[in-house]
PDB file of N, CA and C in Angstrom:
ATOM      1  N   MET A   1     -22.603  40.308-365.852  1.00  0.00           N
ATOM      2  CA  MET A   1     -24.050  40.361-365.718  1.00  0.00           C
ATOM      3  C   MET A   1     -24.384  40.889-364.323  1.00  0.00           C
ATOM      4  N   ASP A   2     -25.249  41.895-364.235  1.00  0.00           N
ATOM      5  CA  ASP A   2     -25.667  42.438-362.948  1.00  0.00           C
ATOM      6  C   ASP A   2     -26.688  41.509-362.312  1.00  0.00           C
ATOM      7  N   ARG A   3     -26.494  41.301-361.004  1.00  0.00           N
ATOM      8  CA  ARG A   3     -27.453  40.478-360.266  1.00  0.00           C
ATOM      9  C   ARG A   3     -28.474  41.379-359.601  1.00  0.00           C
ATOM     10  N   VAL A   4     -29.702  40.971-359.672  1.00  0.00           N
ATOM     11  CA  VAL A   4     -30.775  41.721-359.029  1.00  0.00           C
ATOM     12  C   VAL A   4     -31.038  41.069-357.677  1.00  0.00           C
ATOM     13  N   ILE A   5     -30.954  41.846-356.646  1.00  0.00           N
ATOM     14  CA  ILE A   5     -31.222  41.326-355.305  1.00  0.00           C
ATOM     15  C   ILE A   5     -32.610  41.788-354.898  1.00  0.00           C
ATOM     16  N   LEU A   6     -33.471  40.816-354.698  1.00  0.00           N
ATOM     17  CA  LEU A   6     -34.847  41.122-354.314  1.00  0.00           C
ATOM     18  C   LEU A   6     -34.947  41.214-352.803  1.00  0.00           C
ATOM     19  N   PRO A   7     -35.807  42.079-352.300  1.00  0.00           N
ATOM     20  CA  PRO A   7     -35.971  42.169-350.843  1.00  0.00           C
ATOM     21  C   PRO A   7     -36.608  40.891-350.300  1.00  0.00           C
ATOM     22  N   VAL A   8     -36.203  40.531-349.103  1.00  0.00           N
ATOM     23  CA  VAL A   8     -36.784  39.359-348.447  1.00  0.00           C
ATOM     24  C   VAL A   8     -38.113  39.778-347.847  1.00  0.00           C
ATOM     25  N   ILE A   9     -39.158  39.071-348.224  1.00  0.00           N
ATOM     26  CA  ILE A   9     -40.486  39.351-347.692  1.00  0.00           C
ATOM     27  C   ILE A   9     -40.771  38.323-346.611  1.00  0.00           C
ATOM     28  N   GLU A  10     -40.886  38.807-345.396  1.00  0.00           N
ATOM     29  CA  GLU A  10     -41.135  37.894-344.291  1.00  0.00           C
ATOM     30  C   GLU A  10     -42.624  37.604-344.187  1.00  0.00           C
ATOM     31  N   THR A  11     -42.939  36.332-344.088  1.00  0.00           N
ATOM     32  CA  THR A  11     -44.313  35.906-343.913  1.00  0.00           C
ATOM     33  C   THR A  11     -44.571  35.763-342.418  1.00  0.00           C
ATOM     34  N   PRO A  12     -45.631  36.340-341.907  1.00  0.00           N
ATOM     35  CA  PRO A  12     -45.918  36.169-340.480  1.00  0.00           C
ATOM     36  C   PRO A  12     -46.100  34.691-340.151  1.00  0.00           C
ATOM     37  N   THR A  13     -45.636  34.301-338.995  1.00  0.00           N
ATOM     38  CA  THR A  13     -45.696  32.909-338.585  1.00  0.00           C
ATOM     39  C   THR A  13     -46.464  32.798-337.273  1.00  0.00           C
ATOM     40  N   LEU A  14     -47.379  31.844-337.206  1.00  0.00           N
ATOM     41  CA  LEU A  14     -48.106  31.570-335.981  1.00  0.00           C
ATOM     42  C   LEU A  14     -47.356  30.480-335.229  1.00  0.00           C
ATOM     43  N   THR A  15     -46.931  30.760-334.012  1.00  0.00           N
ATOM     44  CA  THR A  15     -46.166  29.798-333.217  1.00  0.00           C
ATOM     45  C   THR A  15     -47.066  29.096-332.193  1.00  0.00           C
ATOM     46  N   LYS A  16     -46.522  28.040-331.578  1.00  0.00           N
ATOM     47  CA  LYS A  16     -47.278  27.347-330.531  1.00  0.00           C
ATOM     48  C   LYS A  16     -47.549  28.283-329.353  1.00  0.00           C
ATOM     49  N   ALA A  17     -46.596  29.146-329.030  1.00  0.00           N
ATOM     50  CA  ALA A  17     -46.796  30.101-327.932  1.00  0.00           C
ATOM     51  C   ALA A  17     -47.938  31.061-328.261  1.00  0.00           C
ATOM     52  N   GLU A  18     -48.002  31.492-329.522  1.00  0.00           N
ATOM     53  CA  GLU A  18     -49.089  32.387-329.934  1.00  0.00           C
ATOM     54  C   GLU A  18     -50.429  31.664-329.933  1.00  0.00           C
ATOM     55  N   LEU A  19     -50.430  30.385-330.313  1.00  0.00           N
ATOM     56  CA  LEU A  19     -51.670  29.598-330.233  1.00  0.00           C
ATOM     57  C   LEU A  19     -52.158  29.528-328.789  1.00  0.00           C
ATOM     58  N   ALA A  20     -51.239  29.295-327.862  1.00  0.00           N
ATOM     59  CA  ALA A  20     -51.606  29.239-326.443  1.00  0.00           C
ATOM     60  C   ALA A  20     -52.168  30.581-325.986  1.00  0.00           C
ATOM     61  N   ASP A  21     -51.556  31.680-326.432  1.00  0.00           N
ATOM     62  CA  ASP A  21     -52.069  33.008-326.070  1.00  0.00           C
ATOM     63  C   ASP A  21     -53.479  33.228-326.613  1.00  0.00           C
ATOM     64  N   LEU A  22     -53.722  32.755-327.845  1.00  0.00           N
ATOM     65  CA  LEU A  22     -55.061  32.900-328.425  1.00  0.00           C
ATOM     66  C   LEU A  22     -56.100  32.093-327.643  1.00  0.00           C
ATOM     67  N   LEU A  23     -55.730  30.890-327.201  1.00  0.00           N
ATOM     68  CA  LEU A  23     -56.651  30.101-326.367  1.00  0.00           C
ATOM     69  C   LEU A  23     -56.926  30.832-325.057  1.00  0.00           C
ATOM     70  N   PHE A  24     -55.905  31.405-324.477  1.00  0.00           N
ATOM     71  CA  PHE A  24     -56.047  32.180-323.239  1.00  0.00           C
ATOM     72  C   PHE A  24     -57.031  33.331-323.444  1.00  0.00           C
ATOM     73  N   GLU A  25     -56.849  34.072-324.552  1.00  0.00           N
ATOM     74  CA  GLU A  25     -57.688  35.245-324.813  1.00  0.00           C
ATOM     75  C   GLU A  25     -59.123  34.881-325.178  1.00  0.00           C
ATOM     76  N   ARG A  26     -59.285  33.857-326.025  1.00  0.00           N
ATOM     77  CA  ARG A  26     -60.611  33.559-326.568  1.00  0.00           C
ATOM     78  C   ARG A  26     -61.448  32.628-325.709  1.00  0.00           C
ATOM     79  N   LEU A  27     -60.794  31.699-324.999  1.00  0.00           N
ATOM     80  CA  LEU A  27     -61.559  30.712-324.232  1.00  0.00           C
ATOM     81  C   LEU A  27     -61.542  30.964-322.730  1.00  0.00           C
ATOM     82  N   GLY A  28     -60.702  31.870-322.288  1.00  0.00           N
ATOM     83  CA  GLY A  28     -60.664  32.162-320.860  1.00  0.00           C
ATOM     84  C   GLY A  28     -59.901  31.134-320.046  1.00  0.00           C
ATOM     85  N   LEU A  29     -59.144  30.269-320.715  1.00  0.00           N
ATOM     86  CA  LEU A  29     -58.297  29.339-319.971  1.00  0.00           C
ATOM     87  C   LEU A  29     -57.147  30.135-319.361  1.00  0.00           C
ATOM     88  N   ASN A  30     -56.538  29.592-318.287  1.00  0.00           N
ATOM     89  CA  ASN A  30     -55.363  30.304-317.792  1.00  0.00           C
ATOM     90  C   ASN A  30     -54.177  29.967-318.698  1.00  0.00           C
ATOM     91  N   LYS A  31     -53.111  30.727-318.567  1.00  0.00           N
ATOM     92  CA  LYS A  31     -51.979  30.583-319.489  1.00  0.00           C
ATOM     93  C   LYS A  31     -51.376  29.178-319.441  1.00  0.00           C
ATOM     94  N   ARG A  32     -51.278  28.592-318.260  1.00  0.00           N
ATOM     95  CA  ARG A  32     -50.693  27.246-318.125  1.00  0.00           C
ATOM     96  C   ARG A  32     -51.579  26.220-318.837  1.00  0.00           C
ATOM     97  N   GLU A  33     -52.902  26.299-318.629  1.00  0.00           N
ATOM     98  CA  GLU A  33     -53.833  25.374-319.287  1.00  0.00           C
ATOM     99  C   GLU A  33     -53.762  25.519-320.804  1.00  0.00           C
ATOM    100  N   SER A  34     -53.674  26.756-321.264  1.00  0.00           N
ATOM    101  CA  SER A  34     -53.593  27.009-322.700  1.00  0.00           C
ATOM    102  C   SER A  34     -52.344  26.375-323.294  1.00  0.00           C
ATOM    103  N   LYS A  35     -51.207  26.580-322.642  1.00  0.00           N
ATOM    104  CA  LYS A  35     -49.938  26.019-323.117  1.00  0.00           C
ATOM    105  C   LYS A  35     -49.995  24.496-323.103  1.00  0.00           C
ATOM    106  N   ASP A  36     -50.526  23.924-322.013  1.00  0.00           N
ATOM    107  CA  ASP A  36     -50.637  22.463-321.897  1.00  0.00           C
ATOM    108  C   ASP A  36     -51.550  21.885-322.972  1.00  0.00           C
ATOM    109  N   MET A  37     -52.647  22.599-323.296  1.00  0.00           N
ATOM    110  CA  MET A  37     -53.579  22.110-324.302  1.00  0.00           C
ATOM    111  C   MET A  37     -52.921  22.075-325.682  1.00  0.00           C
ATOM    112  N   VAL A  38     -52.193  23.125-326.023  1.00  0.00           N
ATOM    113  CA  VAL A  38     -51.506  23.169-327.315  1.00  0.00           C
ATOM    114  C   VAL A  38     -50.461  22.054-327.377  1.00  0.00           C
ATOM    115  N   GLU A  39     -49.676  21.893-326.325  1.00  0.00           N
ATOM    116  CA  GLU A  39     -48.652  20.841-326.293  1.00  0.00           C
ATOM    117  C   GLU A  39     -49.289  19.456-326.427  1.00  0.00           C
ATOM    118  N   ALA A  40     -50.378  19.214-325.704  1.00  0.00           N
ATOM    119  CA  ALA A  40     -51.056  17.919-325.757  1.00  0.00           C
ATOM    120  C   ALA A  40     -51.594  17.639-327.157  1.00  0.00           C
ATOM    121  N   PHE A  41     -52.150  18.654-327.806  1.00  0.00           N
ATOM    122  CA  PHE A  41     -52.681  18.511-329.156  1.00  0.00           C
ATOM    123  C   PHE A  41     -51.595  18.024-330.111  1.00  0.00           C
ATOM    124  N   PHE A  42     -50.440  18.689-330.079  1.00  0.00           N
ATOM    125  CA  PHE A  42     -49.367  18.300-330.989  1.00  0.00           C
ATOM    126  C   PHE A  42     -48.730  16.966-330.598  1.00  0.00           C
ATOM    127  N   GLU A  43     -48.682  16.652-329.324  1.00  0.00           N
ATOM    128  CA  GLU A  43     -48.165  15.347-328.889  1.00  0.00           C
ATOM    129  C   GLU A  43     -49.055  14.216-329.417  1.00  0.00           C
ATOM    130  N   ILE A  44     -50.367  14.417-329.407  1.00  0.00           N
ATOM    131  CA  ILE A  44     -51.301  13.405-329.911  1.00  0.00           C
ATOM    132  C   ILE A  44     -51.107  13.210-331.417  1.00  0.00           C
ATOM    133  N   ILE A  45     -50.966  14.299-332.153  1.00  0.00           N
ATOM    134  CA  ILE A  45     -50.738  14.192-333.602  1.00  0.00           C
ATOM    135  C   ILE A  45     -49.413  13.476-333.862  1.00  0.00           C
ATOM    136  N   HIS A  46     -48.372  13.873-333.157  1.00  0.00           N
ATOM    137  CA  HIS A  46     -47.053  13.264-333.321  1.00  0.00           C
ATOM    138  C   HIS A  46     -47.101  11.767-333.029  1.00  0.00           C
ATOM    139  N   ALA A  47     -47.711  11.392-331.921  1.00  0.00           N
ATOM    140  CA  ALA A  47     -47.791   9.974-331.532  1.00  0.00           C
ATOM    141  C   ALA A  47     -48.587   9.163-332.552  1.00  0.00           C
ATOM    142  N   SER A  48     -49.676   9.732-333.051  1.00  0.00           N
ATOM    143  CA  SER A  48     -50.494   9.024-334.043  1.00  0.00           C
ATOM    144  C   SER A  48     -49.706   8.784-335.326  1.00  0.00           C
ATOM    145  N   LEU A  49     -48.992   9.789-335.789  1.00  0.00           N
ATOM    146  CA  LEU A  49     -48.186   9.631-337.000  1.00  0.00           C
ATOM    147  C   LEU A  49     -47.062   8.618-336.779  1.00  0.00           C
ATOM    148  N   MET A  50     -46.454   8.636-335.607  1.00  0.00           N
ATOM    149  CA  MET A  50     -45.375   7.683-335.306  1.00  0.00           C
ATOM    150  C   MET A  50     -45.891   6.243-335.303  1.00  0.00           C
ATOM    151  N   LYS A  51     -47.174   6.047-334.971  1.00  0.00           N
ATOM    152  CA  LYS A  51     -47.781   4.706-334.998  1.00  0.00           C
ATOM    153  C   LYS A  51     -48.241   4.323-336.403  1.00  0.00           C
ATOM    154  N   GLY A  52     -48.077   5.243-337.360  1.00  0.00           N
ATOM    155  CA  GLY A  52     -48.487   4.963-338.732  1.00  0.00           C
ATOM    156  C   GLY A  52     -49.939   5.295-339.018  1.00  0.00           C
ATOM    157  N   GLU A  53     -50.587   5.988-338.099  1.00  0.00           N
ATOM    158  CA  GLU A  53     -51.988   6.362-338.292  1.00  0.00           C
ATOM    159  C   GLU A  53     -52.084   7.686-339.044  1.00  0.00           C
ATOM    160  N   ASP A  54     -53.081   7.808-339.897  1.00  0.00           N
ATOM    161  CA  ASP A  54     -53.365   9.084-340.546  1.00  0.00           C
ATOM    162  C   ASP A  54     -54.037   9.998-339.530  1.00  0.00           C
ATOM    163  N   VAL A  55     -53.837  11.291-339.683  1.00  0.00           N
ATOM    164  CA  VAL A  55     -54.502  12.278-338.833  1.00  0.00           C
ATOM    165  C   VAL A  55     -55.371  13.131-339.744  1.00  0.00           C
ATOM    166  N   LYS A  56     -56.690  13.088-339.502  1.00  0.00           N
ATOM    167  CA  LYS A  56     -57.642  13.819-340.332  1.00  0.00           C
ATOM    168  C   LYS A  56     -58.342  14.863-339.478  1.00  0.00           C
ATOM    169  N   LEU A  57     -58.149  16.128-339.838  1.00  0.00           N
ATOM    170  CA  LEU A  57     -58.771  17.228-339.122  1.00  0.00           C
ATOM    171  C   LEU A  57     -59.812  17.852-340.052  1.00  0.00           C
ATOM    172  N   SER A  58     -61.065  17.579-339.773  1.00  0.00           N
ATOM    173  CA  SER A  58     -62.161  18.022-340.622  1.00  0.00           C
ATOM    174  C   SER A  58     -62.105  19.534-340.835  1.00  0.00           C
ATOM    175  N   GLY A  59     -62.218  19.942-342.092  1.00  0.00           N
ATOM    176  CA  GLY A  59     -62.196  21.354-342.424  1.00  0.00           C
ATOM    177  C   GLY A  59     -60.796  21.945-342.477  1.00  0.00           C
ATOM    178  N   PHE A  60     -59.778  21.136-342.159  1.00  0.00           N
ATOM    179  CA  PHE A  60     -58.406  21.627-342.173  1.00  0.00           C
ATOM    180  C   PHE A  60     -57.551  20.836-343.150  1.00  0.00           C
ATOM    181  N   GLY A  61     -57.409  19.518-342.896  1.00  0.00           N
ATOM    182  CA  GLY A  61     -56.636  18.699-343.811  1.00  0.00           C
ATOM    183  C   GLY A  61     -56.212  17.380-343.189  1.00  0.00           C
ATOM    184  N   ASN A  62     -55.399  16.634-343.932  1.00  0.00           N
ATOM    185  CA  ASN A  62     -54.950  15.313-343.516  1.00  0.00           C
ATOM    186  C   ASN A  62     -53.428  15.236-343.489  1.00  0.00           C
ATOM    187  N   PHE A  63     -52.898  14.638-342.414  1.00  0.00           N
ATOM    188  CA  PHE A  63     -51.482  14.336-342.312  1.00  0.00           C
ATOM    189  C   PHE A  63     -51.332  12.837-342.507  1.00  0.00           C
ATOM    190  N   GLN A  64     -50.339  12.437-343.295  1.00  0.00           N
ATOM    191  CA  GLN A  64     -50.093  11.016-343.522  1.00  0.00           C
ATOM    192  C   GLN A  64     -48.593  10.768-343.538  1.00  0.00           C
ATOM    193  N   ILE A  65     -48.211   9.531-343.183  1.00  0.00           N
ATOM    194  CA  ILE A  65     -46.826   9.092-343.324  1.00  0.00           C
ATOM    195  C   ILE A  65     -46.739   8.345-344.643  1.00  0.00           C
ATOM    196  N   ARG A  66     -45.782   8.733-345.467  1.00  0.00           N
ATOM    197  CA  ARG A  66     -45.580   8.083-346.751  1.00  0.00           C
ATOM    198  C   ARG A  66     -44.178   7.506-346.800  1.00  0.00           C
ATOM    199  N   ARG A  67     -44.037   6.316-347.315  1.00  0.00           N
ATOM    200  CA  ARG A  67     -42.736   5.661-347.445  1.00  0.00           C
ATOM    201  C   ARG A  67     -42.134   6.035-348.795  1.00  0.00           C
ATOM    202  N   LYS A  68     -40.954   6.630-348.762  1.00  0.00           N
ATOM    203  CA  LYS A  68     -40.251   6.942-350.008  1.00  0.00           C
ATOM    204  C   LYS A  68     -39.225   5.840-350.245  1.00  0.00           C
ATOM    205  N   ALA A  69     -39.232   5.293-351.429  1.00  0.00           N
ATOM    206  CA  ALA A  69     -38.339   4.195-351.792  1.00  0.00           C
ATOM    207  C   ALA A  69     -36.909   4.718-351.961  1.00  0.00           C
ATOM    208  N   PRO A  70     -35.932   3.819-351.835  1.00  0.00           N
ATOM    209  CA  PRO A  70     -34.553   4.247-352.100  1.00  0.00           C
ATOM    210  C   PRO A  70     -34.421   4.633-353.573  1.00  0.00           C
ATOM    211  N   ARG A  71     -33.525   5.566-353.828  1.00  0.00           N
ATOM    212  CA  ARG A  71     -33.359   5.999-355.211  1.00  0.00           C
ATOM    213  C   ARG A  71     -31.956   6.560-355.409  1.00  0.00           C
ATOM    214  N   PRO A  72     -31.526   6.624-356.633  1.00  0.00           N
ATOM    215  CA  PRO A  72     -30.220   7.238-356.879  1.00  0.00           C
ATOM    216  C   PRO A  72     -30.336   8.755-356.801  1.00  0.00           C
ATOM    217  N   GLY A  73     -29.309   9.378-356.263  1.00  0.00           N
ATOM    218  CA  GLY A  73     -29.276  10.831-356.170  1.00  0.00           C
ATOM    219  C   GLY A  73     -27.956  11.343-356.705  1.00  0.00           C
ATOM    220  N   ARG A  74     -27.783  12.652-356.646  1.00  0.00           N
ATOM    221  CA  ARG A  74     -26.556  13.248-357.159  1.00  0.00           C
ATOM    222  C   ARG A  74     -26.164  14.408-356.255  1.00  0.00           C
ATOM    223  N   ASN A  75     -24.877  14.457-355.882  1.00  0.00           N
ATOM    224  CA  ASN A  75     -24.362  15.571-355.111  1.00  0.00           C
ATOM    225  C   ASN A  75     -24.324  16.784-356.044  1.00  0.00           C
ATOM    226  N   PRO A  76     -25.062  17.849-355.719  1.00  0.00           N
ATOM    227  CA  PRO A  76     -25.136  18.987-356.650  1.00  0.00           C
ATOM    228  C   PRO A  76     -23.800  19.726-356.821  1.00  0.00           C
ATOM    229  N   ARG A  77     -22.936  19.664-355.819  1.00  0.00           N
ATOM    230  CA  ARG A  77     -21.642  20.356-355.936  1.00  0.00           C
ATOM    231  C   ARG A  77     -20.646  19.591-356.797  1.00  0.00           C
ATOM    232  N   THR A  78     -20.589  18.268-356.581  1.00  0.00           N
ATOM    233  CA  THR A  78     -19.561  17.475-357.267  1.00  0.00           C
ATOM    234  C   THR A  78     -20.107  16.696-358.455  1.00  0.00           C
ATOM    235  N   GLY A  79     -21.432  16.527-358.505  1.00  0.00           N
ATOM    236  CA  GLY A  79     -22.018  15.728-359.573  1.00  0.00           C
ATOM    237  C   GLY A  79     -21.898  14.227-359.309  1.00  0.00           C
ATOM    238  N   GLU A  80     -21.294  13.881-358.168  1.00  0.00           N
ATOM    239  CA  GLU A  80     -21.106  12.470-357.806  1.00  0.00           C
ATOM    240  C   GLU A  80     -22.453  11.803-357.535  1.00  0.00           C
ATOM    241  N   SER A  81     -22.608  10.579-358.036  1.00  0.00           N
ATOM    242  CA  SER A  81     -23.821   9.812-357.812  1.00  0.00           C
ATOM    243  C   SER A  81     -23.782   9.231-356.400  1.00  0.00           C
ATOM    244  N   ILE A  82     -24.871   9.419-355.650  1.00  0.00           N
ATOM    245  CA  ILE A  82     -24.949   8.883-354.289  1.00  0.00           C
ATOM    246  C   ILE A  82     -26.316   8.240-354.089  1.00  0.00           C
ATOM    247  N   PRO A  83     -26.359   7.133-353.334  1.00  0.00           N
ATOM    248  CA  PRO A  83     -27.657   6.506-353.075  1.00  0.00           C
ATOM    249  C   PRO A  83     -28.418   7.257-351.979  1.00  0.00           C
ATOM    250  N   ILE A  84     -29.721   7.397-352.160  1.00  0.00           N
ATOM    251  CA  ILE A  84     -30.582   7.985-351.128  1.00  0.00           C
ATOM    252  C   ILE A  84     -31.378   6.841-350.531  1.00  0.00           C
ATOM    253  N   LYS A  85     -31.281   6.699-349.214  1.00  0.00           N
ATOM    254  CA  LYS A  85     -31.932   5.582-348.521  1.00  0.00           C
ATOM    255  C   LYS A  85     -33.449   5.756-348.486  1.00  0.00           C
ATOM    256  N   ALA A  86     -34.140   4.640-348.297  1.00  0.00           N
ATOM    257  CA  ALA A  86     -35.596   4.669-348.097  1.00  0.00           C
ATOM    258  C   ALA A  86     -35.872   5.413-346.796  1.00  0.00           C
ATOM    259  N   ARG A  87     -37.000   6.103-346.761  1.00  0.00           N
ATOM    260  CA  ARG A  87     -37.335   6.844-345.546  1.00  0.00           C
ATOM    261  C   ARG A  87     -38.828   7.128-345.499  1.00  0.00           C
ATOM    262  N   ASN A  88     -39.286   7.480-344.318  1.00  0.00           N
ATOM    263  CA  ASN A  88     -40.671   7.896-344.132  1.00  0.00           C
ATOM    264  C   ASN A  88     -40.719   9.420-344.138  1.00  0.00           C
ATOM    265  N   VAL A  89     -41.747   9.975-344.772  1.00  0.00           N
ATOM    266  CA  VAL A  89     -41.942  11.426-344.779  1.00  0.00           C
ATOM    267  C   VAL A  89     -43.391  11.722-344.394  1.00  0.00           C
ATOM    268  N   VAL A  90     -43.591  12.886-343.801  1.00  0.00           N
ATOM    269  CA  VAL A  90     -44.936  13.330-343.455  1.00  0.00           C
ATOM    270  C   VAL A  90     -45.454  14.174-344.613  1.00  0.00           C
ATOM    271  N   THR A  91     -46.675  13.891-345.031  1.00  0.00           N
ATOM    272  CA  THR A  91     -47.310  14.707-346.056  1.00  0.00           C
ATOM    273  C   THR A  91     -48.554  15.356-345.460  1.00  0.00           C
ATOM    274  N   PHE A  92     -48.901  16.517-345.993  1.00  0.00           N
ATOM    275  CA  PHE A  92     -50.108  17.211-345.565  1.00  0.00           C
ATOM    276  C   PHE A  92     -50.901  17.589-346.805  1.00  0.00           C
ATOM    277  N   HIS A  93     -52.180  17.285-346.792  1.00  0.00           N
ATOM    278  CA  HIS A  93     -53.079  17.672-347.872  1.00  0.00           C
ATOM    279  C   HIS A  93     -54.180  18.528-347.263  1.00  0.00           C
ATOM    280  N   ALA A  94     -54.244  19.776-347.688  1.00  0.00           N
ATOM    281  CA  ALA A  94     -55.258  20.694-347.182  1.00  0.00           C
ATOM    282  C   ALA A  94     -56.644  20.269-347.660  1.00  0.00           C
ATOM    283  N   SER A  95     -57.646  20.478-346.818  1.00  0.00           N
ATOM    284  CA  SER A  95     -59.028  20.173-347.199  1.00  0.00           C
ATOM    285  C   SER A  95     -59.505  21.191-348.225  1.00  0.00           C
ATOM    286  N   HIS A  96     -60.575  20.853-348.918  1.00  0.00           N
ATOM    287  CA  HIS A  96     -61.167  21.776-349.886  1.00  0.00           C
ATOM    288  C   HIS A  96     -61.620  23.054-349.187  1.00  0.00           C
ATOM    289  N   LYS A  97     -62.125  22.903-347.965  1.00  0.00           N
ATOM    290  CA  LYS A  97     -62.596  24.059-347.205  1.00  0.00           C
ATOM    291  C   LYS A  97     -61.437  25.008-346.904  1.00  0.00           C
ATOM    292  N   LEU A  98     -60.301  24.476-346.452  1.00  0.00           N
ATOM    293  CA  LEU A  98     -59.140  25.302-346.147  1.00  0.00           C
ATOM    294  C   LEU A  98     -58.593  25.955-347.416  1.00  0.00           C
ATOM    295  N   LYS A  99     -58.525  25.186-348.500  1.00  0.00           N
ATOM    296  CA  LYS A  99     -58.049  25.743-349.771  1.00  0.00           C
ATOM    297  C   LYS A  99     -58.935  26.909-350.208  1.00  0.00           C
ATOM    298  N   GLY A 100     -60.244  26.749-350.075  1.00  0.00           N
ATOM    299  CA  GLY A 100     -61.178  27.811-350.445  1.00  0.00           C
ATOM    300  C   GLY A 100     -60.988  29.060-349.605  1.00  0.00           C
ATOM    301  N   LEU A 101     -60.751  28.877-348.305  1.00  0.00           N
ATOM    302  CA  LEU A 101     -60.526  30.020-347.423  1.00  0.00           C
ATOM    303  C   LEU A 101     -59.242  30.750-347.794  1.00  0.00           C
ATOM    304  N   VAL A 102     -58.172  29.989-348.028  1.00  0.00           N
ATOM    305  CA  VAL A 102     -56.875  30.588-348.347  1.00  0.00           C
ATOM    306  C   VAL A 102     -56.923  31.315-349.688  1.00  0.00           C
ATOM    307  N   GLN A 103     -57.633  30.746-350.647  1.00  0.00           N
ATOM    308  CA  GLN A 103     -57.709  31.344-351.982  1.00  0.00           C
ATOM    309  C   GLN A 103     -58.742  32.470-352.063  1.00  0.00           C
ATOM    310  N   GLY A 104     -59.515  32.651-350.996  1.00  0.00           N
ATOM    311  CA  GLY A 104     -60.510  33.710-350.986  1.00  0.00           C
ATOM    312  C   GLY A 104     -61.818  33.328-351.650  1.00  0.00           C
ATOM    313  N   ASP A 105     -61.974  32.052-352.004  1.00  0.00           N
ATOM    314  CA  ASP A 105     -63.209  31.598-352.644  1.00  0.00           C
ATOM    315  C   ASP A 105     -64.345  31.414-351.638  1.00  0.00           C
ATOM    316  N   THR A 106     -63.983  31.143-350.381  1.00  0.00           N
ATOM    317  CA  THR A 106     -64.954  30.901-349.327  1.00  0.00           C
ATOM    318  C   THR A 106     -64.811  32.005-348.291  1.00  0.00           C
ATOM    319  N   PRO A 107     -65.899  32.698-347.934  1.00  0.00           N
ATOM    320  CA  PRO A 107     -65.796  33.748-346.913  1.00  0.00           C
ATOM    321  C   PRO A 107     -65.497  33.145-345.539  1.00  0.00           C
ATOM    322  N   LEU A 108     -64.775  33.903-344.730  1.00  0.00           N
ATOM    323  CA  LEU A 108     -64.472  33.469-343.368  1.00  0.00           C
ATOM    324  C   LEU A 108     -65.754  33.449-342.555  1.00  0.00           C
ATOM    325  N   GLY A 109     -65.920  32.389-341.777  1.00  0.00           N
ATOM    326  CA  GLY A 109     -67.040  32.337-340.839  1.00  0.00           C
ATOM    327  C   GLY A 109     -66.649  33.030-339.551  1.00  0.00           C
ATOM    328  N   GLU A 110     -67.568  33.186-338.646  1.00  0.00           N
ATOM    329  CA  GLU A 110     -67.286  33.831-337.370  1.00  0.00           C
ATOM    330  C   GLU A 110     -66.244  33.073-336.575  1.00  0.00           C
ATOM    331  N   ASP A 111     -66.169  31.737-336.760  1.00  0.00           N
ATOM    332  CA  ASP A 111     -65.227  30.920-336.020  1.00  0.00           C
ATOM    333  C   ASP A 111     -63.775  31.243-336.366  1.00  0.00           C
ATOM    334  N   PHE A 112     -63.532  31.825-337.550  1.00  0.00           N
ATOM    335  CA  PHE A 112     -62.169  32.036-337.997  1.00  0.00           C
ATOM    336  C   PHE A 112     -61.690  33.475-337.851  1.00  0.00           C
ATOM    337  N   GLU A 113     -62.561  34.381-337.455  1.00  0.00           N
ATOM    338  CA  GLU A 113     -62.169  35.783-337.373  1.00  0.00           C
ATOM    339  C   GLU A 113     -61.531  36.095-336.049  1.00  0.00           C
TER     340      GLU A 113
END
């Protein structure tokens, strides 16, 4: 059977460094202030989630910590049954506004261009 190899389509990624550059360009902050602001923003979100608090960003979405119960699993290579321990996972639910923007149902406002 012939295998079809599809080309890898790279999705552009916005990084923290690029966010800092955008703050520098749009708000007139200096580069150090921009970088510090982005770092502080993510540190606050990280700390809040670590304390078990939900993070709600209006018009964007909600981050929550969810407890996953222990469950039986299976090693896909060997088929061997293995236990999966209980753990905490971060979940993100996009707001209706963000979903509408991404799907093209809601036009971009001036704030997003």
